[in-house]
Amino acid sequence: MSASAVFGVHAPFWQIVYRSVIVYVVIVLLMRLTGRRQLGQMTPFDLVLILLIANAVQNAMVGTDVSIFGGLVAAATLLATNAVVGVAVSRIPAFRRAVVGQPVLLVNGGEMVEENVRRAGLTDDLVLEAMREHGFGSLSDVHTAVLEIDGTISIIPRGAQSVRTRHRVRAIRPGGN
């Protein structure tokens, strides 16, 4: 008895694989282009959006194949693609910057860096809200505010002692070297 007879496969295995990879890449790119806020500060609207995207792209991945096997192939492909992206992010700095991004300076020396705030898809009000959440009443109390790659905003108070170290960090390499 063939797999198609047991699992009711309607689409070729490789078609599901390449469709799933394409959907994964496009969704990651679109999420990256829409900004980091969705990652670190998810609202109920963001959750609804993610659920609707999942529903919208299902048919793009499996086509007419609504079998158990088709769904499992799509899920396995998404997991494998995510693992490959994870390895690439950890080993290729340029890829990491493109996919994950870099921290963005929002406040410098108590002054809002308007261009960076706009480019990050934020507003002055959101930055001020984050400052208040950290216990700062005005920009003059803040030395630096940074939008981190996970979507959170870190704040360093004015007058905070700067600590410099010479600690070296070595990358973990396969084989323990």
N, C-alpha and C. Protein backbone atom coordinates (compact mmCIF):
# COMPACT_ATOMS: atom_id res chain seq x y z
N MET A 1 0.85 -1.17 0.00
CA MET A 1 0.00 0.00 0.00
C MET A 1 0.90 1.24 0.00
N SER A 2 0.62 2.21 -0.85
CA SER A 2 1.46 3.40 -0.99
C SER A 2 1.11 4.44 0.07
N ALA A 3 2.04 5.39 0.25
CA ALA A 3 1.83 6.48 1.21
C ALA A 3 0.61 7.31 0.83
N SER A 4 0.41 7.49 -0.49
CA SER A 4 -0.73 8.30 -0.92
C SER A 4 -2.05 7.62 -0.58
N ALA A 5 -2.05 6.30 -0.60
CA ALA A 5 -3.27 5.58 -0.25
C ALA A 5 -3.55 5.66 1.25
N VAL A 6 -2.48 5.58 2.06
CA VAL A 6 -2.63 5.61 3.51
C VAL A 6 -2.94 7.02 4.01
N PHE A 7 -2.20 8.01 3.52
CA PHE A 7 -2.31 9.36 4.04
C PHE A 7 -3.16 10.28 3.17
N GLY A 8 -3.62 9.84 2.03
CA GLY A 8 -4.45 10.66 1.16
C GLY A 8 -3.71 11.84 0.56
N VAL A 9 -2.45 11.66 0.16
CA VAL A 9 -1.63 12.75 -0.37
C VAL A 9 -2.18 13.18 -1.72
N HIS A 10 -2.36 14.50 -1.88
CA HIS A 10 -2.88 15.04 -3.13
C HIS A 10 -1.86 15.86 -3.89
N ALA A 11 -0.80 16.32 -3.23
CA ALA A 11 0.24 17.13 -3.87
C ALA A 11 1.58 16.42 -3.75
N PRO A 12 2.45 16.59 -4.74
CA PRO A 12 3.78 15.97 -4.65
C PRO A 12 4.54 16.50 -3.42
N PHE A 13 5.26 15.60 -2.78
CA PHE A 13 6.05 15.89 -1.59
C PHE A 13 6.92 17.13 -1.80
N TRP A 14 7.68 17.17 -2.87
CA TRP A 14 8.62 18.29 -3.10
C TRP A 14 7.89 19.61 -3.34
N GLN A 15 6.69 19.55 -3.87
CA GLN A 15 5.92 20.77 -4.07
C GLN A 15 5.57 21.40 -2.72
N ILE A 16 5.18 20.57 -1.79
CA ILE A 16 4.86 21.07 -0.45
C ILE A 16 6.12 21.65 0.20
N VAL A 17 7.26 20.99 0.01
CA VAL A 17 8.52 21.46 0.60
C VAL A 17 8.89 22.83 0.05
N TYR A 18 8.96 22.98 -1.27
CA TYR A 18 9.41 24.26 -1.81
C TYR A 18 8.38 25.37 -1.55
N ARG A 19 7.10 25.05 -1.56
CA ARG A 19 6.09 26.06 -1.25
C ARG A 19 6.24 26.53 0.20
N SER A 20 6.50 25.61 1.10
CA SER A 20 6.66 25.96 2.52
C SER A 20 7.89 26.82 2.74
N VAL A 21 8.99 26.50 2.07
CA VAL A 21 10.21 27.30 2.20
C VAL A 21 9.96 28.72 1.68
N ILE A 22 9.32 28.83 0.54
CA ILE A 22 9.03 30.15 -0.03
C ILE A 22 8.16 30.97 0.93
N VAL A 23 7.12 30.37 1.47
CA VAL A 23 6.24 31.08 2.41
C VAL A 23 7.02 31.51 3.64
N TYR A 24 7.85 30.63 4.17
CA TYR A 24 8.66 30.96 5.36
C TYR A 24 9.53 32.18 5.08
N VAL A 25 10.27 32.15 3.99
CA VAL A 25 11.19 33.25 3.66
C VAL A 25 10.44 34.55 3.47
N VAL A 26 9.34 34.53 2.74
CA VAL A 26 8.59 35.75 2.49
C VAL A 26 8.00 36.32 3.78
N ILE A 27 7.45 35.47 4.63
CA ILE A 27 6.87 35.94 5.90
C ILE A 27 7.96 36.53 6.80
N VAL A 28 9.12 35.89 6.87
CA VAL A 28 10.22 36.43 7.67
C VAL A 28 10.63 37.79 7.13
N LEU A 29 10.76 37.92 5.82
CA LEU A 29 11.13 39.20 5.22
C LEU A 29 10.08 40.28 5.52
N LEU A 30 8.82 39.93 5.38
CA LEU A 30 7.76 40.90 5.64
C LEU A 30 7.73 41.31 7.11
N MET A 31 7.93 40.36 8.01
CA MET A 31 7.97 40.68 9.44
C MET A 31 9.16 41.59 9.73
N ARG A 32 10.28 41.32 9.08
CA ARG A 32 11.48 42.14 9.27
C ARG A 32 11.25 43.56 8.75
N LEU A 33 10.57 43.67 7.62
CA LEU A 33 10.31 44.99 7.03
C LEU A 33 9.31 45.81 7.84
N THR A 34 8.41 45.14 8.57
CA THR A 34 7.41 45.88 9.34
C THR A 34 7.94 46.35 10.68
N GLY A 35 9.13 45.96 11.06
CA GLY A 35 9.75 46.47 12.28
C GLY A 35 9.81 45.48 13.40
N ARG A 36 10.54 45.89 14.45
CA ARG A 36 10.80 45.00 15.57
C ARG A 36 9.71 45.04 16.63
N ARG A 37 8.89 46.07 16.64
CA ARG A 37 7.91 46.21 17.71
C ARG A 37 7.05 44.96 17.83
N GLN A 38 6.69 44.34 16.72
CA GLN A 38 5.84 43.17 16.77
C GLN A 38 6.49 42.04 17.57
N LEU A 39 7.80 41.97 17.56
CA LEU A 39 8.49 40.87 18.24
C LEU A 39 8.54 41.06 19.75
N GLY A 40 8.84 42.28 20.20
CA GLY A 40 9.04 42.50 21.62
C GLY A 40 7.84 43.00 22.37
N GLN A 41 6.87 43.61 21.69
CA GLN A 41 5.74 44.22 22.37
C GLN A 41 4.45 43.84 21.66
N MET A 42 4.14 42.56 21.64
CA MET A 42 2.98 42.07 20.91
C MET A 42 1.69 42.53 21.57
N THR A 43 0.83 43.07 20.76
CA THR A 43 -0.50 43.50 21.21
C THR A 43 -1.51 42.43 20.78
N PRO A 44 -2.75 42.51 21.27
CA PRO A 44 -3.77 41.56 20.80
C PRO A 44 -3.96 41.65 19.27
N PHE A 45 -3.80 42.84 18.70
CA PHE A 45 -3.93 43.00 17.26
C PHE A 45 -2.82 42.25 16.52
N ASP A 46 -1.61 42.26 17.10
CA ASP A 46 -0.49 41.54 16.49
C ASP A 46 -0.75 40.04 16.51
N LEU A 47 -1.30 39.54 17.61
CA LEU A 47 -1.62 38.11 17.71
C LEU A 47 -2.66 37.73 16.66
N VAL A 48 -3.70 38.55 16.52
CA VAL A 48 -4.72 38.28 15.50
C VAL A 48 -4.09 38.28 14.12
N LEU A 49 -3.21 39.24 13.86
CA LEU A 49 -2.53 39.31 12.57
C LEU A 49 -1.74 38.04 12.29
N ILE A 50 -1.01 37.56 13.27
CA ILE A 50 -0.21 36.34 13.09
C ILE A 50 -1.11 35.14 12.82
N LEU A 51 -2.20 35.03 13.55
CA LEU A 51 -3.13 33.92 13.32
C LEU A 51 -3.74 33.99 11.93
N LEU A 52 -4.10 35.19 11.48
CA LEU A 52 -4.67 35.34 10.14
C LEU A 52 -3.65 35.05 9.05
N ILE A 53 -2.41 35.46 9.28
CA ILE A 53 -1.35 35.14 8.31
C ILE A 53 -1.18 33.63 8.21
N ALA A 54 -1.19 32.95 9.34
CA ALA A 54 -1.04 31.49 9.33
C ALA A 54 -2.16 30.85 8.52
N ASN A 55 -3.37 31.32 8.71
CA ASN A 55 -4.49 30.77 7.97
C ASN A 55 -4.40 31.12 6.48
N ALA A 56 -3.96 32.34 6.19
CA ALA A 56 -3.88 32.80 4.80
C ALA A 56 -2.84 32.04 3.99
N VAL A 57 -1.73 31.66 4.62
CA VAL A 57 -0.65 31.02 3.86
C VAL A 57 -0.75 29.50 3.85
N GLN A 58 -1.67 28.94 4.59
CA GLN A 58 -1.79 27.48 4.64
C GLN A 58 -1.95 26.89 3.25
N ASN A 59 -2.88 27.40 2.48
CA ASN A 59 -3.11 26.86 1.14
C ASN A 59 -1.92 27.10 0.23
N ALA A 60 -1.20 28.19 0.45
CA ALA A 60 -0.02 28.46 -0.37
C ALA A 60 1.05 27.40 -0.14
N MET A 61 1.08 26.82 1.06
CA MET A 61 2.09 25.80 1.36
C MET A 61 1.67 24.41 0.88
N VAL A 62 0.46 24.02 1.16
CA VAL A 62 0.05 22.64 0.87
C VAL A 62 -0.85 22.51 -0.34
N GLY A 63 -1.27 23.64 -0.91
CA GLY A 63 -2.13 23.57 -2.09
C GLY A 63 -3.45 22.89 -1.75
N THR A 64 -3.83 21.95 -2.57
CA THR A 64 -5.09 21.24 -2.35
C THR A 64 -4.93 20.07 -1.40
N ASP A 65 -3.70 19.80 -0.97
CA ASP A 65 -3.43 18.66 -0.11
C ASP A 65 -3.78 18.99 1.33
N VAL A 66 -4.89 18.49 1.81
CA VAL A 66 -5.31 18.72 3.19
C VAL A 66 -5.14 17.45 4.03
N SER A 67 -4.24 16.58 3.57
CA SER A 67 -4.02 15.32 4.28
C SER A 67 -3.11 15.52 5.48
N ILE A 68 -3.09 14.53 6.35
CA ILE A 68 -2.20 14.54 7.49
C ILE A 68 -0.75 14.62 7.02
N PHE A 69 -0.44 13.82 6.03
CA PHE A 69 0.93 13.79 5.51
C PHE A 69 1.34 15.16 4.96
N GLY A 70 0.47 15.80 4.20
CA GLY A 70 0.78 17.13 3.66
C GLY A 70 1.04 18.14 4.76
N GLY A 71 0.23 18.14 5.80
CA GLY A 71 0.43 19.04 6.93
C GLY A 71 1.72 18.75 7.67
N LEU A 72 2.04 17.45 7.84
CA LEU A 72 3.28 17.08 8.52
C LEU A 72 4.51 17.46 7.70
N VAL A 73 4.43 17.30 6.39
CA VAL A 73 5.55 17.70 5.52
C VAL A 73 5.75 19.21 5.62
N ALA A 74 4.67 19.98 5.57
CA ALA A 74 4.78 21.44 5.68
C ALA A 74 5.37 21.83 7.03
N ALA A 75 4.89 21.22 8.10
CA ALA A 75 5.41 21.54 9.44
C ALA A 75 6.88 21.18 9.57
N ALA A 76 7.25 19.98 9.09
CA ALA A 76 8.65 19.56 9.15
C ALA A 76 9.53 20.49 8.33
N THR A 77 9.03 20.91 7.18
CA THR A 77 9.80 21.84 6.33
C THR A 77 10.01 23.17 7.03
N LEU A 78 8.97 23.69 7.67
CA LEU A 78 9.09 24.97 8.39
C LEU A 78 10.09 24.85 9.54
N LEU A 79 10.03 23.75 10.27
CA LEU A 79 10.99 23.53 11.37
C LEU A 79 12.42 23.42 10.85
N ALA A 80 12.60 22.67 9.78
CA ALA A 80 13.94 22.52 9.19
C ALA A 80 14.46 23.85 8.65
N THR A 81 13.60 24.60 7.97
CA THR A 81 14.01 25.90 7.45
C THR A 81 14.38 26.84 8.58
N ASN A 82 13.61 26.82 9.66
CA ASN A 82 13.92 27.64 10.82
C ASN A 82 15.26 27.26 11.43
N ALA A 83 15.56 25.96 11.48
CA ALA A 83 16.84 25.50 12.02
C ALA A 83 17.99 25.97 11.13
N VAL A 84 17.83 25.89 9.82
CA VAL A 84 18.87 26.34 8.89
C VAL A 84 19.10 27.84 9.05
N VAL A 85 18.02 28.61 9.15
CA VAL A 85 18.14 30.06 9.35
C VAL A 85 18.85 30.34 10.68
N GLY A 86 18.52 29.59 11.72
CA GLY A 86 19.17 29.75 13.02
C GLY A 86 20.67 29.52 12.95
N VAL A 87 21.09 28.49 12.23
CA VAL A 87 22.53 28.22 12.06
C VAL A 87 23.18 29.35 11.27
N ALA A 88 22.53 29.78 10.20
CA ALA A 88 23.08 30.86 9.37
C ALA A 88 23.21 32.16 10.18
N VAL A 89 22.21 32.45 11.01
CA VAL A 89 22.24 33.66 11.83
C VAL A 89 23.40 33.59 12.83
N SER A 90 23.65 32.42 13.38
CA SER A 90 24.72 32.29 14.37
C SER A 90 26.11 32.28 13.75
N ARG A 91 26.23 31.97 12.47
CA ARG A 91 27.56 31.83 11.86
C ARG A 91 27.91 32.90 10.83
N ILE A 92 26.93 33.62 10.31
CA ILE A 92 27.21 34.60 9.25
C ILE A 92 26.76 35.98 9.74
N PRO A 93 27.71 36.82 10.17
CA PRO A 93 27.35 38.14 10.73
C PRO A 93 26.50 39.01 9.79
N ALA A 94 26.80 39.03 8.52
CA ALA A 94 26.02 39.86 7.59
C ALA A 94 24.58 39.36 7.50
N PHE A 95 24.40 38.05 7.50
CA PHE A 95 23.05 37.46 7.48
C PHE A 95 22.32 37.79 8.78
N ARG A 96 23.04 37.72 9.90
CA ARG A 96 22.44 38.05 11.21
C ARG A 96 21.94 39.49 11.21
N ARG A 97 22.77 40.43 10.72
CA ARG A 97 22.35 41.83 10.68
C ARG A 97 21.13 42.02 9.78
N ALA A 98 21.09 41.30 8.65
CA ALA A 98 19.97 41.44 7.71
C ALA A 98 18.68 40.85 8.28
N VAL A 99 18.77 39.71 8.93
CA VAL A 99 17.57 39.02 9.41
C VAL A 99 17.17 39.48 10.81
N VAL A 100 18.12 39.56 11.71
CA VAL A 100 17.83 39.89 13.10
C VAL A 100 17.86 41.40 13.32
N GLY A 101 18.78 42.08 12.66
CA GLY A 101 18.91 43.52 12.82
C GLY A 101 19.97 43.88 13.83
N GLN A 102 20.03 45.17 14.11
CA GLN A 102 20.97 45.70 15.08
C GLN A 102 20.23 46.65 16.01
N PRO A 103 20.77 46.87 17.20
CA PRO A 103 20.16 47.85 18.10
C PRO A 103 20.13 49.23 17.44
N VAL A 104 19.11 50.03 17.80
CA VAL A 104 18.95 51.37 17.22
C VAL A 104 18.96 52.39 18.36
N LEU A 105 19.81 53.38 18.23
CA LEU A 105 19.91 54.45 19.22
C LEU A 105 18.72 55.39 19.07
N LEU A 106 17.91 55.51 20.12
CA LEU A 106 16.70 56.34 20.08
C LEU A 106 16.89 57.68 20.79
N VAL A 107 17.63 57.63 21.90
CA VAL A 107 17.92 58.85 22.67
C VAL A 107 19.42 58.87 22.91
N ASN A 108 20.04 60.03 22.66
CA ASN A 108 21.47 60.18 22.87
C ASN A 108 21.72 61.49 23.60
N GLY A 109 22.29 61.40 24.80
CA GLY A 109 22.58 62.60 25.57
C GLY A 109 21.35 63.38 25.94
N GLY A 110 20.24 62.71 26.17
CA GLY A 110 19.01 63.37 26.56
C GLY A 110 18.23 63.97 25.40
N GLU A 111 18.66 63.72 24.18
CA GLU A 111 17.98 64.25 22.99
C GLU A 111 17.44 63.10 22.15
N MET A 112 16.21 63.22 21.70
CA MET A 112 15.59 62.21 20.84
C MET A 112 16.31 62.22 19.48
N VAL A 113 16.67 61.04 18.99
CA VAL A 113 17.27 60.91 17.66
C VAL A 113 16.11 60.61 16.70
N GLU A 114 15.49 61.69 16.23
CA GLU A 114 14.23 61.60 15.47
C GLU A 114 14.34 60.67 14.26
N GLU A 115 15.41 60.77 13.52
CA GLU A 115 15.56 59.95 12.32
C GLU A 115 15.54 58.46 12.66
N ASN A 116 16.24 58.08 13.73
CA ASN A 116 16.26 56.68 14.14
C ASN A 116 14.92 56.22 14.67
N VAL A 117 14.23 57.11 15.40
CA VAL A 117 12.91 56.77 15.93
C VAL A 117 11.96 56.48 14.78
N ARG A 118 11.95 57.34 13.77
CA ARG A 118 11.07 57.15 12.61
C ARG A 118 11.45 55.89 11.82
N ARG A 119 12.74 55.71 11.59
CA ARG A 119 13.20 54.55 10.81
C ARG A 119 12.85 53.24 11.53
N ALA A 120 12.80 53.27 12.86
CA ALA A 120 12.46 52.07 13.63
C ALA A 120 10.95 51.83 13.66
N GLY A 121 10.18 52.74 13.08
CA GLY A 121 8.73 52.58 13.05
C GLY A 121 8.07 52.93 14.37
N LEU A 122 8.73 53.75 15.17
CA LEU A 122 8.20 54.17 16.46
C LEU A 122 7.78 55.63 16.40
N THR A 123 7.19 56.08 17.48
CA THR A 123 6.85 57.49 17.63
C THR A 123 7.55 58.01 18.89
N ASP A 124 7.65 59.33 18.99
CA ASP A 124 8.23 59.92 20.20
C ASP A 124 7.43 59.50 21.42
N ASP A 125 6.10 59.41 21.27
CA ASP A 125 5.25 59.03 22.40
C ASP A 125 5.57 57.62 22.91
N LEU A 126 5.86 56.69 22.00
CA LEU A 126 6.21 55.33 22.42
C LEU A 126 7.54 55.31 23.17
N VAL A 127 8.49 56.10 22.73
CA VAL A 127 9.78 56.17 23.42
C VAL A 127 9.59 56.80 24.79
N LEU A 128 8.80 57.87 24.87
CA LEU A 128 8.52 58.51 26.16
C LEU A 128 7.78 57.56 27.10
N GLU A 129 6.87 56.77 26.56
CA GLU A 129 6.16 55.77 27.37
C GLU A 129 7.13 54.75 27.95
N ALA A 130 8.08 54.29 27.14
CA ALA A 130 9.08 53.33 27.62
C ALA A 130 9.94 53.97 28.71
N MET A 131 10.26 55.25 28.55
CA MET A 131 11.03 55.95 29.59
C MET A 131 10.26 55.98 30.91
N ARG A 132 8.97 56.32 30.81
CA ARG A 132 8.15 56.37 32.03
C ARG A 132 8.05 54.99 32.68
N GLU A 133 7.93 53.94 31.85
CA GLU A 133 7.88 52.58 32.40
C GLU A 133 9.15 52.22 33.16
N HIS A 134 10.26 52.85 32.76
CA HIS A 134 11.54 52.62 33.44
C HIS A 134 11.76 53.59 34.60
N GLY A 135 10.78 54.49 34.85
CA GLY A 135 10.86 55.40 35.98
C GLY A 135 11.48 56.75 35.68
N PHE A 136 11.57 57.13 34.42
CA PHE A 136 12.15 58.42 34.06
C PHE A 136 11.05 59.37 33.61
N GLY A 137 11.05 60.59 34.19
CA GLY A 137 10.00 61.54 33.90
C GLY A 137 10.24 62.41 32.69
N SER A 138 11.51 62.61 32.32
CA SER A 138 11.77 63.48 31.18
C SER A 138 13.01 63.02 30.43
N LEU A 139 13.14 63.53 29.22
CA LEU A 139 14.31 63.20 28.40
C LEU A 139 15.61 63.61 29.08
N SER A 140 15.58 64.68 29.85
CA SER A 140 16.80 65.16 30.49
C SER A 140 17.35 64.16 31.52
N ASP A 141 16.51 63.22 31.97
CA ASP A 141 16.96 62.19 32.92
C ASP A 141 17.64 61.02 32.23
N VAL A 142 17.53 60.96 30.91
CA VAL A 142 18.00 59.79 30.15
C VAL A 142 19.26 60.14 29.37
N HIS A 143 20.28 59.33 29.56
CA HIS A 143 21.49 59.50 28.76
C HIS A 143 21.32 58.82 27.41
N THR A 144 20.87 57.56 27.45
CA THR A 144 20.73 56.79 26.22
C THR A 144 19.51 55.88 26.30
N ALA A 145 18.81 55.77 25.18
CA ALA A 145 17.73 54.78 25.04
C ALA A 145 17.99 54.05 23.73
N VAL A 146 17.91 52.72 23.79
CA VAL A 146 18.24 51.89 22.64
C VAL A 146 17.11 50.89 22.40
N LEU A 147 16.66 50.82 21.14
CA LEU A 147 15.73 49.78 20.74
C LEU A 147 16.56 48.54 20.48
N GLU A 148 16.37 47.53 21.32
CA GLU A 148 17.16 46.30 21.20
C GLU A 148 16.59 45.43 20.09
N ILE A 149 17.34 44.41 19.69
CA ILE A 149 16.91 43.58 18.57
C ILE A 149 15.69 42.74 18.89
N ASP A 150 15.38 42.57 20.18
CA ASP A 150 14.18 41.80 20.54
C ASP A 150 12.94 42.68 20.65
N GLY A 151 13.08 43.98 20.36
CA GLY A 151 11.94 44.88 20.39
C GLY A 151 11.77 45.64 21.69
N THR A 152 12.57 45.34 22.70
CA THR A 152 12.49 46.07 23.96
C THR A 152 13.33 47.35 23.87
N ILE A 153 13.05 48.29 24.74
CA ILE A 153 13.82 49.53 24.80
C ILE A 153 14.60 49.55 26.10
N SER A 154 15.93 49.62 25.99
CA SER A 154 16.80 49.72 27.15
C SER A 154 17.12 51.18 27.39
N ILE A 155 17.17 51.57 28.66
CA ILE A 155 17.43 52.96 29.00
C ILE A 155 18.56 53.05 30.00
N ILE A 156 19.50 53.95 29.70
CA ILE A 156 20.63 54.21 30.59
C ILE A 156 20.43 55.63 31.13
N PRO A 157 20.36 55.76 32.46
CA PRO A 157 20.12 57.09 33.04
C PRO A 157 21.32 58.03 32.88
N ARG A 158 21.02 59.32 32.84
CA ARG A 158 22.07 60.34 32.81
C ARG A 158 22.87 60.20 34.11
N GLY A 159 24.17 60.28 34.02
CA GLY A 159 25.02 60.18 35.20
C GLY A 159 25.36 58.75 35.59
N ALA A 160 24.88 57.77 34.83
CA ALA A 160 25.21 56.38 35.15
C ALA A 160 26.69 56.16 34.90
N GLN A 161 27.30 55.41 35.78
CA GLN A 161 28.73 55.13 35.65
C GLN A 161 28.96 54.19 34.49
N SER A 162 29.88 54.56 33.64
CA SER A 162 30.23 53.73 32.49
C SER A 162 31.30 52.74 32.90
N VAL A 163 31.10 51.49 32.53
CA VAL A 163 32.06 50.45 32.87
C VAL A 163 32.62 49.90 31.58
N ARG A 164 33.93 49.92 31.47
CA ARG A 164 34.59 49.35 30.29
C ARG A 164 35.37 48.14 30.72
N THR A 165 35.31 47.12 29.92
CA THR A 165 36.05 45.91 30.23
C THR A 165 36.91 45.52 29.04
N ARG A 166 37.85 44.66 29.29
CA ARG A 166 38.68 44.12 28.22
C ARG A 166 38.39 42.64 28.05
N HIS A 167 37.25 42.23 28.54
CA HIS A 167 36.86 40.83 28.45
C HIS A 167 36.65 40.44 26.99
N ARG A 168 37.28 39.37 26.60
CA ARG A 168 37.12 38.89 25.23
C ARG A 168 36.09 37.78 25.20
N VAL A 169 35.27 37.80 24.19
CA VAL A 169 34.27 36.77 24.02
C VAL A 169 34.68 35.94 22.82
N ARG A 170 34.79 34.63 23.03
CA ARG A 170 35.16 33.75 21.94
C ARG A 170 33.93 33.03 21.42
N ALA A 171 33.86 32.93 20.13
CA ALA A 171 32.73 32.24 19.51
C ALA A 171 32.84 30.74 19.78
N ILE A 172 31.69 30.11 19.91
CA ILE A 172 31.66 28.66 20.07
C ILE A 172 31.75 28.05 18.68
N ARG A 173 32.71 27.17 18.52
CA ARG A 173 32.90 26.54 17.21
C ARG A 173 32.65 25.05 17.32
N PRO A 174 32.15 24.45 16.24
CA PRO A 174 31.96 23.00 16.27
C PRO A 174 33.27 22.30 16.60
N GLY A 175 33.19 21.27 17.37
CA GLY A 175 34.39 20.50 17.72
C GLY A 175 35.07 21.02 18.96
N GLY A 176 34.49 22.09 19.59
CA GLY A 176 35.03 22.58 20.83
C GLY A 176 36.24 23.47 20.70
N ASN A 177 36.60 23.95 19.52
CA ASN A 177 37.78 24.81 19.36
C ASN A 177 37.47 26.22 19.74
